[in-house]
C-alpha atoms as a PDB file:
ATOM      1  CA  UNK A   1       8.734   0.926  25.950  1.00  0.00           C
ATOM      2  CA  UNK A   2       5.845  -1.465  25.636  1.00  0.00           C
ATOM      3  CA  UNK A   3       5.313  -2.998  22.235  1.00  0.00           C
ATOM      4  CA  UNK A   4       2.174  -1.642  20.624  1.00  0.00           C
ATOM      5  CA  UNK A   5       1.230  -5.192  19.610  1.00  0.00           C
ATOM      6  CA  UNK A   6       1.020  -6.321  23.222  1.00  0.00           C
ATOM      7  CA  UNK A   7      -2.478  -6.656  24.545  1.00  0.00           C
ATOM      8  CA  UNK A   8      -4.316  -4.137  26.659  1.00  0.00           C
ATOM      9  CA  UNK A   9      -3.725  -6.121  29.837  1.00  0.00           C
ATOM     10  CA  UNK A  10       0.040  -5.723  29.448  1.00  0.00           C
ATOM     11  CA  UNK A  11      -0.316  -1.949  29.318  1.00  0.00           C
ATOM     12  CA  UNK A  12      -2.698  -2.002  32.255  1.00  0.00           C
ATOM     13  CA  UNK A  13      -0.292  -4.105  34.303  1.00  0.00           C
ATOM     14  CA  UNK A  14       2.591  -1.785  33.473  1.00  0.00           C
ATOM     15  CA  UNK A  15       0.872   1.400  34.631  1.00  0.00           C
ATOM     16  CA  UNK A  16      -0.713  -0.344  37.619  1.00  0.00           C
ATOM     17  CA  UNK A  17       2.736  -1.503  38.737  1.00  0.00           C
ATOM     18  CA  UNK A  18       3.732   2.177  38.776  1.00  0.00           C
ATOM     19  CA  UNK A  19       0.638   3.070  40.881  1.00  0.00           C
ATOM     20  CA  UNK A  20      -0.741   5.263  38.083  1.00  0.00           C
ATOM     21  CA  UNK A  21      -4.516   5.681  37.925  1.00  0.00           C
ATOM     22  CA  UNK A  22      -5.601   4.729  34.392  1.00  0.00           C
ATOM     23  CA  UNK A  23      -9.358   5.015  34.847  1.00  0.00           C
ATOM     24  CA  UNK A  24      -9.761   8.295  32.973  1.00  0.00           C
ATOM     25  CA  UNK A  25      -8.449   9.924  29.757  1.00  0.00           C
ATOM     26  CA  UNK A  26      -5.465  12.223  30.179  1.00  0.00           C
ATOM     27  CA  UNK A  27      -3.836  10.305  33.014  1.00  0.00           C
ATOM     28  CA  UNK A  28      -0.489  11.610  31.750  1.00  0.00           C
ATOM     29  CA  UNK A  29      -1.311  14.523  34.093  1.00  0.00           C
ATOM     30  CA  UNK A  30      -0.928  12.171  37.067  1.00  0.00           C
ATOM     31  CA  UNK A  31       1.990  13.256  39.272  1.00  0.00           C
ATOM     32  CA  UNK A  32       3.300   9.692  39.283  1.00  0.00           C
ATOM     33  CA  UNK A  33       3.234   9.649  35.477  1.00  0.00           C
ATOM     34  CA  UNK A  34       5.109  12.960  35.289  1.00  0.00           C
ATOM     35  CA  UNK A  35       7.726  11.764  37.764  1.00  0.00           C
ATOM     36  CA  UNK A  36       8.189   8.486  35.900  1.00  0.00           C
ATOM     37  CA  UNK A  37       8.534  10.404  32.640  1.00  0.00           C
ATOM     38  CA  UNK A  38      11.723  11.984  33.993  1.00  0.00           C
ATOM     39  CA  UNK A  39      13.417   8.588  33.813  1.00  0.00           C
ATOM     40  CA  UNK A  40      11.458   7.315  30.803  1.00  0.00           C
ATOM     41  CA  UNK A  41      11.176  10.073  28.170  1.00  0.00           C
ATOM     42  CA  UNK A  42       9.189   7.728  25.914  1.00  0.00           C
ATOM     43  CA  UNK A  43       6.370   7.296  28.428  1.00  0.00           C
ATOM     44  CA  UNK A  44       3.888   9.199  26.273  1.00  0.00           C
ATOM     45  CA  UNK A  45       4.402   6.477  23.662  1.00  0.00           C
ATOM     46  CA  UNK A  46       3.187   4.020  26.268  1.00  0.00           C
ATOM     47  CA  UNK A  47       0.149   6.189  26.913  1.00  0.00           C
ATOM     48  CA  UNK A  48      -0.660   6.282  23.202  1.00  0.00           C
ATOM     49  CA  UNK A  49      -0.219   2.506  22.932  1.00  0.00           C
ATOM     50  CA  UNK A  50      -2.515   2.052  25.924  1.00  0.00           C
ATOM     51  CA  UNK A  51      -5.241   4.080  24.211  1.00  0.00           C
ATOM     52  CA  UNK A  52      -4.719   2.217  20.931  1.00  0.00           C
ATOM     53  CA  UNK A  53      -5.061  -1.175  22.610  1.00  0.00           C
ATOM     54  CA  UNK A  54      -8.003  -0.291  24.844  1.00  0.00           C
ATOM     55  CA  UNK A  55     -11.220  -2.154  24.031  1.00  0.00           C
ATOM     56  CA  UNK A  56     -14.408  -0.077  23.814  1.00  0.00           C
ATOM     57  CA  UNK A  57     -18.011  -1.195  23.733  1.00  0.00           C
ATOM     58  CA  UNK A  58     -20.540  -0.132  21.096  1.00  0.00           C
ATOM     59  CA  UNK A  59     -22.207   2.491  23.298  1.00  0.00           C
ATOM     60  CA  UNK A  60     -18.879   4.184  24.015  1.00  0.00           C
ATOM     61  CA  UNK A  61     -17.865   4.189  20.341  1.00  0.00           C
ATOM     62  CA  UNK A  62     -21.235   5.549  19.240  1.00  0.00           C
ATOM     63  CA  UNK A  63     -21.041   8.411  21.734  1.00  0.00           C
ATOM     64  CA  UNK A  64     -17.367   9.027  20.948  1.00  0.00           C
ATOM     65  CA  UNK A  65     -18.129   9.317  17.241  1.00  0.00           C
ATOM     66  CA  UNK A  66     -20.855  11.880  17.949  1.00  0.00           C
ATOM     67  CA  UNK A  67     -18.687  13.944  20.312  1.00  0.00           C
ATOM     68  CA  UNK A  68     -15.602  13.837  18.082  1.00  0.00           C
ATOM     69  CA  UNK A  69     -17.471  14.793  14.928  1.00  0.00           C
ATOM     70  CA  UNK A  70     -19.348  17.683  16.565  1.00  0.00           C
ATOM     71  CA  UNK A  71     -16.267  18.980  18.361  1.00  0.00           C
ATOM     72  CA  UNK A  72     -14.175  18.860  15.181  1.00  0.00           C
ATOM     73  CA  UNK A  73     -16.832  20.722  13.206  1.00  0.00           C
ATOM     74  CA  UNK A  74     -17.262  23.443  15.827  1.00  0.00           C
ATOM     75  CA  UNK A  75     -13.519  23.943  16.308  1.00  0.00           C
ATOM     76  CA  UNK A  76     -13.008  24.201  12.559  1.00  0.00           C
ATOM     77  CA  UNK A  77     -15.742  26.846  12.414  1.00  0.00           C
ATOM     78  CA  UNK A  78     -13.855  28.889  15.011  1.00  0.00           C
ATOM     79  CA  UNK A  79     -10.540  28.447  13.185  1.00  0.00           C
ATOM     80  CA  UNK A  80     -12.071  29.453   9.862  1.00  0.00           C
ATOM     81  CA  UNK A  81     -13.858  32.448  11.347  1.00  0.00           C
ATOM     82  CA  UNK A  82     -10.700  33.634  13.106  1.00  0.00           C
ATOM     83  CA  UNK A  83      -8.541  33.065  10.027  1.00  0.00           C
ATOM     84  CA  UNK A  84      -5.558  31.765  11.982  1.00  0.00           C
ATOM     85  CA  UNK A  85      -3.256  29.515   9.982  1.00  0.00           C
ATOM     86  CA  UNK A  86      -0.667  27.014  11.129  1.00  0.00           C
ATOM     87  CA  UNK A  87      -2.384  26.327  14.445  1.00  0.00           C
ATOM     88  CA  UNK A  88      -2.215  22.557  14.111  1.00  0.00           C
ATOM     89  CA  UNK A  89      -0.436  21.872  17.404  1.00  0.00           C
ATOM     90  CA  UNK A  90      -2.454  24.333  19.484  1.00  0.00           C
ATOM     91  CA  UNK A  91      -5.823  23.475  17.940  1.00  0.00           C
ATOM     92  CA  UNK A  92      -5.253  19.717  18.162  1.00  0.00           C
ATOM     93  CA  UNK A  93      -4.147  20.093  21.766  1.00  0.00           C
ATOM     94  CA  UNK A  94      -7.291  22.055  22.599  1.00  0.00           C
ATOM     95  CA  UNK A  95      -9.431  19.418  20.926  1.00  0.00           C
ATOM     96  CA  UNK A  96      -7.619  16.682  22.832  1.00  0.00           C
ATOM     97  CA  UNK A  97      -8.405  18.439  26.105  1.00  0.00           C
ATOM     98  CA  UNK A  98     -12.044  18.921  25.124  1.00  0.00           C
ATOM     99  CA  UNK A  99     -12.378  15.232  24.328  1.00  0.00           C
ATOM    100  CA  UNK A 100     -10.846  14.383  27.699  1.00  0.00           C
ATOM    101  CA  UNK A 101     -13.401  16.645  29.390  1.00  0.00           C
ATOM    102  CA  UNK A 102     -16.078  14.600  27.638  1.00  0.00           C
ATOM    103  CA  UNK A 103     -14.527  11.298  28.703  1.00  0.00           C
ATOM    104  CA  UNK A 104     -13.208  10.447  25.227  1.00  0.00           C
ATOM    105  CA  UNK A 105      -9.881   8.616  25.005  1.00  0.00           C
ATOM    106  CA  UNK A 106      -7.414  10.091  22.532  1.00  0.00           C
ATOM    107  CA  UNK A 107      -3.806  11.053  21.978  1.00  0.00           C
ATOM    108  CA  UNK A 108      -2.035  13.730  19.970  1.00  0.00           C
ATOM    109  CA  UNK A 109       0.573  13.008  17.318  1.00  0.00           C
ATOM    110  CA  UNK A 110       3.210  15.241  15.787  1.00  0.00           C
ATOM    111  CA  UNK A 111       4.876  14.517  12.497  1.00  0.00           C
ATOM    112  CA  UNK A 112       4.990  15.173   8.778  1.00  0.00           C
ATOM    113  CA  UNK A 113       2.193  15.443   6.254  1.00  0.00           C
ATOM    114  CA  UNK A 114       2.479  14.859   2.510  1.00  0.00           C
ATOM    115  CA  UNK A 115      -0.449  15.862   0.289  1.00  0.00           C
ATOM    116  CA  UNK A 116      -0.654  14.541  -3.255  1.00  0.00           C
ATOM    117  CA  UNK A 117      -3.162  16.230  -5.551  1.00  0.00           C
ATOM    118  CA  UNK A 118      -4.774  14.696  -8.640  1.00  0.00           C
ATOM    119  CA  UNK A 119      -2.804  15.310 -11.851  1.00  0.00           C
ATOM    120  CA  UNK A 120      -5.549  17.431 -13.396  1.00  0.00           C
ATOM    121  CA  UNK A 121      -5.197  20.064 -10.677  1.00  0.00           C
ATOM    122  CA  UNK A 122      -1.619  20.865 -11.790  1.00  0.00           C
ATOM    123  CA  UNK A 123      -0.736  21.417  -8.135  1.00  0.00           C
ATOM    124  CA  UNK A 124       2.607  20.146  -6.940  1.00  0.00           C
ATOM    125  CA  UNK A 125       2.836  17.734  -4.043  1.00  0.00           C
ATOM    126  CA  UNK A 126       2.739  19.608  -0.732  1.00  0.00           C
ATOM    127  CA  UNK A 127       5.092  18.663   2.093  1.00  0.00           C
ATOM    128  CA  UNK A 128       5.100  19.551   5.774  1.00  0.00           C
ATOM    129  CA  UNK A 129       8.575  18.382   6.826  1.00  0.00           C
ATOM    130  CA  UNK A 130       9.422  17.554  10.434  1.00  0.00           C
ATOM    131  CA  UNK A 131      13.155  17.937   9.776  1.00  0.00           C
ATOM    132  CA  UNK A 132      13.723  21.396   8.342  1.00  0.00           C
ATOM    133  CA  UNK A 133      16.938  23.458   8.459  1.00  0.00           C
ATOM    134  CA  UNK A 134      18.351  21.221  11.163  1.00  0.00           C
ATOM    135  CA  UNK A 135      15.301  21.439  13.402  1.00  0.00           C
ATOM    136  CA  UNK A 136      13.309  18.409  14.506  1.00  0.00           C
ATOM    137  CA  UNK A 137       9.896  19.985  14.950  1.00  0.00           C
ATOM    138  CA  UNK A 138       6.151  19.392  14.806  1.00  0.00           C
ATOM    139  CA  UNK A 139       5.533  20.241  11.159  1.00  0.00           C
ATOM    140  CA  UNK A 140       1.962  19.075  11.588  1.00  0.00           C
ATOM    141  CA  UNK A 141      -0.188  17.641  14.359  1.00  0.00           C
ATOM    142  CA  UNK A 142      -3.344  15.567  14.523  1.00  0.00           C
ATOM    143  CA  UNK A 143      -5.299  13.277  16.844  1.00  0.00           C
ATOM    144  CA  UNK A 144      -6.160   9.621  17.145  1.00  0.00           C
ATOM    145  CA  UNK A 145      -9.358   8.875  19.055  1.00  0.00           C
ATOM    146  CA  UNK A 146     -11.218   5.593  18.552  1.00  0.00           C
ATOM    147  CA  UNK A 147     -13.198   4.968  16.416  1.00  0.00           C
ATOM    148  CA  UNK A 148     -11.220   7.510  14.347  1.00  0.00           C
ATOM    149  CA  UNK A 149      -7.662   6.741  13.263  1.00  0.00           C
ATOM    150  CA  UNK A 150      -6.979  10.214  11.834  1.00  0.00           C
ATOM    151  CA  UNK A 151      -8.534  13.460  13.075  1.00  0.00           C
ATOM    152  CA  UNK A 152      -7.124  16.539  11.361  1.00  0.00           C
ATOM    153  CA  UNK A 153      -8.966  19.809  11.971  1.00  0.00           C
ATOM    154  CA  UNK A 154      -6.327  22.171  10.549  1.00  0.00           C
ATOM    155  CA  UNK A 155      -5.349  20.651   7.202  1.00  0.00           C
ATOM    156  CA  UNK A 156      -7.204  23.434   5.377  1.00  0.00           C
ATOM    157  CA  UNK A 157      -5.969  26.216   7.673  1.00  0.00           C
ATOM    158  CA  UNK A 158      -2.386  26.339   6.433  1.00  0.00           C
ATOM    159  CA  UNK A 159      -0.427  28.879   4.406  1.00  0.00           C
ATOM    160  CA  UNK A 160      -1.001  27.496   0.924  1.00  0.00           C
ATOM    161  CA  UNK A 161       0.155  29.337  -2.212  1.00  0.00           C
ATOM    162  CA  UNK A 162      -1.067  27.284  -5.197  1.00  0.00           C
ATOM    163  CA  UNK A 163      -4.816  27.403  -4.638  1.00  0.00           C
ATOM    164  CA  UNK A 164      -4.731  24.115  -2.751  1.00  0.00           C
ATOM    165  CA  UNK A 165      -7.636  24.915  -0.454  1.00  0.00           C
ATOM    166  CA  UNK A 166     -10.234  24.495  -3.201  1.00  0.00           C
ATOM    167  CA  UNK A 167      -9.348  20.793  -3.302  1.00  0.00           C
ATOM    168  CA  UNK A 168      -9.021  20.258   0.450  1.00  0.00           C
ATOM    169  CA  UNK A 169     -11.745  19.165   2.879  1.00  0.00           C
ATOM    170  CA  UNK A 170     -12.574  21.232   5.952  1.00  0.00           C
ATOM    171  CA  UNK A 171     -11.764  18.238   8.144  1.00  0.00           C
ATOM    172  CA  UNK A 172     -10.274  14.805   7.894  1.00  0.00           C
ATOM    173  CA  UNK A 173     -12.097  12.274  10.061  1.00  0.00           C
ATOM    174  CA  UNK A 174     -11.138   8.755   9.033  1.00  0.00           C
ATOM    175  CA  UNK A 175     -11.973   5.443  10.680  1.00  0.00           C
ATOM    176  CA  UNK A 176      -9.954   3.445   8.152  1.00  0.00           C
ATOM    177  CA  UNK A 177      -6.426   4.077   6.883  1.00  0.00           C
ATOM    178  CA  UNK A 178      -3.739   2.249   4.949  1.00  0.00           C
ATOM    179  CA  UNK A 179      -0.352   1.695   6.549  1.00  0.00           C
ATOM    180  CA  UNK A 180       2.712   2.923   4.689  1.00  0.00           C
ATOM    181  CA  UNK A 181       6.475   3.124   5.228  1.00  0.00           C
ATOM    182  CA  UNK A 182       8.623   5.917   6.601  1.00  0.00           C
ATOM    183  CA  UNK A 183      10.287   7.723   3.689  1.00  0.00           C
ATOM    184  CA  UNK A 184      12.993  10.364   4.067  1.00  0.00           C
ATOM    185  CA  UNK A 185      11.434  12.556   1.376  1.00  0.00           C
ATOM    186  CA  UNK A 186       8.289  12.894   3.509  1.00  0.00           C
ATOM    187  CA  UNK A 187      10.021  14.033   6.679  1.00  0.00           C
ATOM    188  CA  UNK A 188      13.225  15.861   5.610  1.00  0.00           C
ATOM    189  CA  UNK A 189      13.420  19.154   3.700  1.00  0.00           C
ATOM    190  CA  UNK A 190      15.200  18.605   0.298  1.00  0.00           C
ATOM    191  CA  UNK A 191      18.276  20.789   0.876  1.00  0.00           C
ATOM    192  CA  UNK A 192      18.878  19.184   4.227  1.00  0.00           C
ATOM    193  CA  UNK A 193      18.270  15.736   2.784  1.00  0.00           C
ATOM    194  CA  UNK A 194      20.970  16.442   0.180  1.00  0.00           C
ATOM    195  CA  UNK A 195      23.395  17.182   3.010  1.00  0.00           C
ATOM    196  CA  UNK A 196      22.464  13.902   4.671  1.00  0.00           C
ATOM    197  CA  UNK A 197      23.051  12.064   1.386  1.00  0.00           C
ATOM    198  CA  UNK A 198      26.468  13.711   1.056  1.00  0.00           C
ATOM    199  CA  UNK A 199      27.388  12.600   4.553  1.00  0.00           C
ATOM    200  CA  UNK A 200      25.812   9.128   4.726  1.00  0.00           C
ATOM    201  CA  UNK A 201      25.198   8.196   1.099  1.00  0.00           C
ATOM    202  CA  UNK A 202      21.780   6.679   0.495  1.00  0.00           C
ATOM    203  CA  UNK A 203      21.905   4.733   3.774  1.00  0.00           C
ATOM    204  CA  UNK A 204      18.379   5.328   5.043  1.00  0.00           C
ATOM    205  CA  UNK A 205      19.030   3.727   8.429  1.00  0.00           C
ATOM    206  CA  UNK A 206      22.034   5.932   9.184  1.00  0.00           C
ATOM    207  CA  UNK A 207      20.132   9.071   8.197  1.00  0.00           C
ATOM    208  CA  UNK A 208      17.120   8.164  10.333  1.00  0.00           C
ATOM    209  CA  UNK A 209      19.413   7.472  13.292  1.00  0.00           C
ATOM    210  CA  UNK A 210      21.136  10.807  12.719  1.00  0.00           C
ATOM    211  CA  UNK A 211      17.775  12.555  12.857  1.00  0.00           C
ATOM    212  CA  UNK A 212      16.739  10.749  16.038  1.00  0.00           C
ATOM    213  CA  UNK A 213      17.977   7.451  17.523  1.00  0.00           C
ATOM    214  CA  UNK A 214      14.395   6.520  18.474  1.00  0.00           C
ATOM    215  CA  UNK A 215      12.696   7.473  15.212  1.00  0.00           C
ATOM    216  CA  UNK A 216      12.870   4.088  13.494  1.00  0.00           C
ATOM    217  CA  UNK A 217      11.581   2.147  16.502  1.00  0.00           C
ATOM    218  CA  UNK A 218       8.845   4.730  16.982  1.00  0.00           C
ATOM    219  CA  UNK A 219       7.820   4.466  13.328  1.00  0.00           C
ATOM    220  CA  UNK A 220       7.677   0.686  13.623  1.00  0.00           C
ATOM    221  CA  UNK A 221       5.047   1.082  16.336  1.00  0.00           C
ATOM    222  CA  UNK A 222       3.223   4.099  14.933  1.00  0.00           C
ATOM    223  CA  UNK A 223       3.437   3.497  11.218  1.00  0.00           C
ATOM    224  CA  UNK A 224       2.768   6.190   8.602  1.00  0.00           C
ATOM    225  CA  UNK A 225      -0.860   6.124   7.525  1.00  0.00           C
ATOM    226  CA  UNK A 226      -2.492   7.121   4.235  1.00  0.00           C
ATOM    227  CA  UNK A 227      -6.034   8.341   3.607  1.00  0.00           C
ATOM    228  CA  UNK A 228      -7.817   9.712   0.555  1.00  0.00           C
ATOM    229  CA  UNK A 229     -10.450  12.413   0.260  1.00  0.00           C
ATOM    230  CA  UNK A 230     -11.984  13.353  -3.109  1.00  0.00           C
ATOM    231  CA  UNK A 231      -8.939  12.116  -5.007  1.00  0.00           C
ATOM    232  CA  UNK A 232      -6.430  13.920  -2.771  1.00  0.00           C
ATOM    233  CA  UNK A 233      -4.037  11.613  -0.915  1.00  0.00           C
ATOM    234  CA  UNK A 234      -2.807  12.474   2.572  1.00  0.00           C
ATOM    235  CA  UNK A 235       0.160  10.645   4.087  1.00  0.00           C
ATOM    236  CA  UNK A 236       0.631  11.141   7.827  1.00  0.00           C
ATOM    237  CA  UNK A 237       4.122  10.224   9.064  1.00  0.00           C
ATOM    238  CA  UNK A 238       4.209  10.231  12.857  1.00  0.00           C
ATOM    239  CA  UNK A 239       7.444  11.247  14.557  1.00  0.00           C
ATOM    240  CA  UNK A 240       6.295  11.589  18.157  1.00  0.00           C
ATOM    241  CA  UNK A 241       3.503  11.755  20.722  1.00  0.00           C
ATOM    242  CA  UNK A 242       2.788  15.074  22.418  1.00  0.00           C
ATOM    243  CA  UNK A 243       0.682  16.214  25.350  1.00  0.00           C
ATOM    244  CA  UNK A 244      -0.111  19.539  27.060  1.00  0.00           C
ATOM    245  CA  UNK A 245       2.216  20.961  29.686  1.00  0.00           C
ATOM    246  CA  UNK A 246      -0.565  22.921  31.415  1.00  0.00           C
ATOM    247  CA  UNK A 247      -4.102  22.200  32.565  1.00  0.00           C
ATOM    248  CA  UNK A 248      -6.706  23.224  30.002  1.00  0.00           C
ATOM    249  CA  UNK A 249      -7.911  26.052  32.266  1.00  0.00           C
ATOM    250  CA  UNK A 250      -4.433  27.637  32.182  1.00  0.00           C
ATOM    251  CA  UNK A 251      -3.599  27.141  28.496  1.00  0.00           C
ATOM    252  CA  UNK A 252      -3.383  30.316  26.415  1.00  0.00           C
ATOM    253  CA  UNK A 253      -1.654  29.053  23.251  1.00  0.00           C
ATOM    254  CA  UNK A 254      -4.940  28.873  21.321  1.00  0.00           C
ATOM    255  CA  UNK A 255      -7.054  32.015  21.144  1.00  0.00           C
ATOM    256  CA  UNK A 256      -9.718  32.242  18.463  1.00  0.00           C
ATOM    257  CA  UNK A 257     -12.173  35.087  18.051  1.00  0.00           C
ATOM    258  CA  UNK A 258     -11.195  36.400  21.478  1.00  0.00           C
ATOM    259  CA  UNK A 259     -11.737  33.077  23.243  1.00  0.00           C
ATOM    260  CA  UNK A 260      -9.181  30.714  24.735  1.00  0.00           C
ATOM    261  CA  UNK A 261      -9.624  26.971  24.274  1.00  0.00           C
ATOM    262  CA  UNK A 262     -11.364  26.425  27.585  1.00  0.00           C
ATOM    263  CA  UNK A 263     -13.798  29.254  26.796  1.00  0.00           C
ATOM    264  CA  UNK A 264     -14.537  27.805  23.359  1.00  0.00           C
ATOM    265  CA  UNK A 265     -15.387  24.557  25.097  1.00  0.00           C
ATOM    266  CA  UNK A 266     -17.538  26.056  27.851  1.00  0.00           C
ATOM    267  CA  UNK A 267     -19.375  28.651  25.769  1.00  0.00           C
ATOM    268  CA  UNK A 268     -19.694  27.019  22.353  1.00  0.00           C
ATOM    269  CA  UNK A 269     -18.942  23.314  22.251  1.00  0.00           C
ATOM    270  CA  UNK A 270     -20.221  21.962  25.577  1.00  0.00           C
ATOM    271  CA  UNK A 271     -23.733  23.458  25.194  1.00  0.00           C
ATOM    272  CA  UNK A 272     -24.119  21.952  21.725  1.00  0.00           C
ATOM    273  CA  UNK A 273     -22.868  18.556  22.858  1.00  0.00           C
ATOM    274  CA  UNK A 274     -25.561  18.580  25.526  1.00  0.00           C
ATOM    275  CA  UNK A 275     -28.380  19.290  23.059  1.00  0.00           C
END
């Protein structure tokens, strides 16, 4: 896997050597990319690194900011109106596809989210663990799309039980973040973490390797990131890069207010982006 610190030209040379067309967002749909992925299961990490290292001019970034912000707001409106909770993977995937339709480079991340509330709220810290009851899953999902480093359109649309929503923003759109470190408490459910401690002691490296042999190297490239909104602290711990298996026109995993993702784009979002 290419090192994220390598320059854009290194990524370009890599994909060009594999005859993969990199001139448009979403080139992970390229048949050559899909075939190569069969021998390199970490290829989506390369795609994400490519997007991260790509240099954009001011006009692109200005338009991208406008498109991203409007798309996020309109998708949240549909999520809120529908009332669906826990749609982070499906909603983020739909937004990723919409951005690609609009020529906006982005990639989708899966991982864990830890939310720390101000003391005066008396609300306990909220965890979305990626490792829960032995499963290594997408506890939460969000996007990265320059100039934004964190795009989370579903943080409010989760099954909360302590009145958390009154302190949560509708959206998280952040251009600046603070890097953090991968902590077991953020990604592993407590009962399961106790079992890991019983088996491996407090050896963090052994536990991380037991969860996934590639997790530590992945986290070194895609470090946990922390943002704050109105005194609430959000820690995003990435555990993998994800991408759709189907073309947007065929995807049915997200249906809000009777509309699939592609319909939401064509009927609601695209017309407003063109205004």
